[in-house]
Amino acid sequence: MEIATAPTHTRVRDSKAPGRAALAFPAGAFAAFLAEIKRAGSPGRQAPQPAAQ
């Protein structure tokens, strides 16, 4: 996946098929999407645990 950002939008495309169309999202919407992924984590993946002291 390749991501290109600009002040008003973010474009995402498949790096294995660069000749195909890219998806474009409003910059704020894509930032909110990434923030939610970081907050929620990936399904089936455990959240990082604090280091033992």
N, C-alpha and C. Protein backbone atom coordinates (compact mmCIF):
# COMPACT_ATOMS: atom_id res chain seq x y z
N MET A 1 0.84 -1.15 0.00
CA MET A 1 0.00 0.00 0.00
C MET A 1 0.90 1.23 0.00
N GLU A 2 0.51 2.21 -0.76
CA GLU A 2 1.20 3.50 -0.79
C GLU A 2 0.20 4.58 -0.39
N ILE A 3 0.68 5.53 0.40
CA ILE A 3 -0.17 6.63 0.86
C ILE A 3 0.51 7.93 0.51
N ALA A 4 -0.24 8.83 -0.13
CA ALA A 4 0.27 10.16 -0.46
C ALA A 4 -0.65 11.19 0.21
N THR A 5 -0.04 12.11 0.92
CA THR A 5 -0.84 13.11 1.63
C THR A 5 -0.67 14.49 1.02
N ALA A 6 -1.70 15.28 1.15
CA ALA A 6 -1.72 16.69 0.76
C ALA A 6 -2.53 17.41 1.83
N PRO A 7 -2.48 18.71 1.86
CA PRO A 7 -3.23 19.43 2.90
C PRO A 7 -4.73 19.13 2.91
N THR A 8 -5.31 18.85 1.76
CA THR A 8 -6.76 18.68 1.70
C THR A 8 -7.23 17.25 1.53
N HIS A 9 -6.33 16.33 1.14
CA HIS A 9 -6.76 14.96 0.89
C HIS A 9 -5.61 13.97 1.05
N THR A 10 -5.97 12.71 1.16
CA THR A 10 -5.00 11.61 1.22
C THR A 10 -5.39 10.60 0.16
N ARG A 11 -4.42 10.12 -0.60
CA ARG A 11 -4.68 9.11 -1.63
C ARG A 11 -3.99 7.81 -1.21
N VAL A 12 -4.67 6.70 -1.47
CA VAL A 12 -4.16 5.38 -1.14
C VAL A 12 -4.25 4.52 -2.39
N ARG A 13 -3.17 3.76 -2.67
CA ARG A 13 -3.21 2.86 -3.82
C ARG A 13 -2.45 1.58 -3.50
N ASP A 14 -2.73 0.57 -4.28
CA ASP A 14 -2.08 -0.73 -4.16
C ASP A 14 -0.71 -0.64 -4.84
N SER A 15 0.35 -0.79 -4.08
CA SER A 15 1.70 -0.67 -4.65
C SER A 15 2.03 -1.81 -5.61
N LYS A 16 1.29 -2.91 -5.53
CA LYS A 16 1.52 -4.02 -6.46
C LYS A 16 0.80 -3.80 -7.79
N ALA A 17 -0.10 -2.83 -7.84
CA ALA A 17 -0.84 -2.51 -9.06
C ALA A 17 -0.92 -0.99 -9.20
N PRO A 18 0.22 -0.32 -9.36
CA PRO A 18 0.23 1.15 -9.37
C PRO A 18 -0.52 1.80 -10.52
N GLY A 19 -0.79 1.05 -11.57
CA GLY A 19 -1.53 1.61 -12.69
C GLY A 19 -3.03 1.70 -12.46
N ARG A 20 -3.49 1.05 -11.42
CA ARG A 20 -4.93 1.08 -11.12
C ARG A 20 -5.25 2.36 -10.35
N ALA A 21 -6.52 2.63 -10.22
CA ALA A 21 -6.98 3.86 -9.57
C ALA A 21 -6.60 3.90 -8.09
N ALA A 22 -6.39 5.10 -7.61
CA ALA A 22 -6.15 5.33 -6.19
C ALA A 22 -7.45 5.78 -5.54
N LEU A 23 -7.58 5.50 -4.25
CA LEU A 23 -8.72 5.99 -3.49
C LEU A 23 -8.33 7.32 -2.87
N ALA A 24 -9.23 8.29 -2.89
CA ALA A 24 -8.96 9.60 -2.30
C ALA A 24 -9.92 9.84 -1.14
N PHE A 25 -9.39 10.34 -0.04
CA PHE A 25 -10.17 10.63 1.16
C PHE A 25 -9.89 12.05 1.61
N PRO A 26 -10.88 12.75 2.18
CA PRO A 26 -10.58 14.04 2.79
C PRO A 26 -9.53 13.83 3.89
N ALA A 27 -8.60 14.74 4.01
CA ALA A 27 -7.48 14.58 4.95
C ALA A 27 -7.97 14.33 6.38
N GLY A 28 -8.96 15.07 6.83
CA GLY A 28 -9.46 14.89 8.19
C GLY A 28 -10.09 13.54 8.42
N ALA A 29 -10.80 13.03 7.44
CA ALA A 29 -11.44 11.72 7.55
C ALA A 29 -10.39 10.61 7.62
N PHE A 30 -9.34 10.72 6.83
CA PHE A 30 -8.31 9.69 6.84
C PHE A 30 -7.54 9.73 8.16
N ALA A 31 -7.27 10.93 8.67
CA ALA A 31 -6.59 11.06 9.96
C ALA A 31 -7.42 10.43 11.08
N ALA A 32 -8.73 10.65 11.05
CA ALA A 32 -9.62 10.05 12.05
C ALA A 32 -9.62 8.53 11.92
N PHE A 33 -9.61 8.02 10.70
CA PHE A 33 -9.56 6.58 10.45
C PHE A 33 -8.30 5.98 11.06
N LEU A 34 -7.14 6.59 10.80
CA LEU A 34 -5.89 6.08 11.36
C LEU A 34 -5.88 6.15 12.88
N ALA A 35 -6.40 7.23 13.44
CA ALA A 35 -6.45 7.37 14.90
C ALA A 35 -7.29 6.26 15.52
N GLU A 36 -8.40 5.92 14.89
CA GLU A 36 -9.26 4.85 15.41
C GLU A 36 -8.58 3.50 15.31
N ILE A 37 -7.88 3.25 14.23
CA ILE A 37 -7.13 2.00 14.11
C ILE A 37 -6.09 1.90 15.21
N LYS A 38 -5.36 2.96 15.44
CA LYS A 38 -4.34 2.96 16.49
C LYS A 38 -4.98 2.76 17.87
N ARG A 39 -6.14 3.37 18.09
CA ARG A 39 -6.81 3.25 19.38
C ARG A 39 -7.35 1.84 19.60
N ALA A 40 -7.99 1.29 18.60
CA ALA A 40 -8.67 0.00 18.74
C ALA A 40 -7.73 -1.19 18.54
N GLY A 41 -6.67 -1.01 17.79
CA GLY A 41 -5.78 -2.13 17.49
C GLY A 41 -6.36 -3.01 16.40
N SER A 42 -5.63 -3.98 16.00
CA SER A 42 -6.06 -4.90 14.94
C SER A 42 -6.84 -6.06 15.56
N PRO A 43 -7.90 -6.53 14.90
CA PRO A 43 -8.62 -7.69 15.41
C PRO A 43 -7.69 -8.90 15.49
N GLY A 44 -7.78 -9.64 16.57
CA GLY A 44 -6.95 -10.83 16.73
C GLY A 44 -5.54 -10.54 17.17
N ARG A 45 -5.23 -9.30 17.38
CA ARG A 45 -3.88 -8.91 17.80
C ARG A 45 -3.98 -8.31 19.19
N GLN A 46 -3.12 -8.75 20.08
CA GLN A 46 -3.15 -8.25 21.45
C GLN A 46 -2.54 -6.86 21.52
N ALA A 47 -3.11 -6.05 22.41
CA ALA A 47 -2.57 -4.72 22.64
C ALA A 47 -1.20 -4.86 23.32
N PRO A 48 -0.29 -3.92 23.07
CA PRO A 48 1.03 -3.97 23.74
C PRO A 48 0.86 -3.92 25.26
N GLN A 49 1.66 -4.71 25.94
CA GLN A 49 1.62 -4.75 27.39
C GLN A 49 2.72 -3.85 27.95
N PRO A 50 2.45 -3.19 29.09
CA PRO A 50 3.50 -2.37 29.71
C PRO A 50 4.70 -3.24 30.10
N ALA A 51 5.87 -2.67 30.04
CA ALA A 51 7.08 -3.40 30.38
C ALA A 51 7.08 -3.75 31.87
N ALA A 52 7.53 -4.95 32.17
CA ALA A 52 7.63 -5.39 33.57
C ALA A 52 8.78 -4.64 34.25
N GLN A 53 8.58 -4.36 35.52
CA GLN A 53 9.63 -3.61 36.23
C GLN A 53 10.22 -4.42 37.34
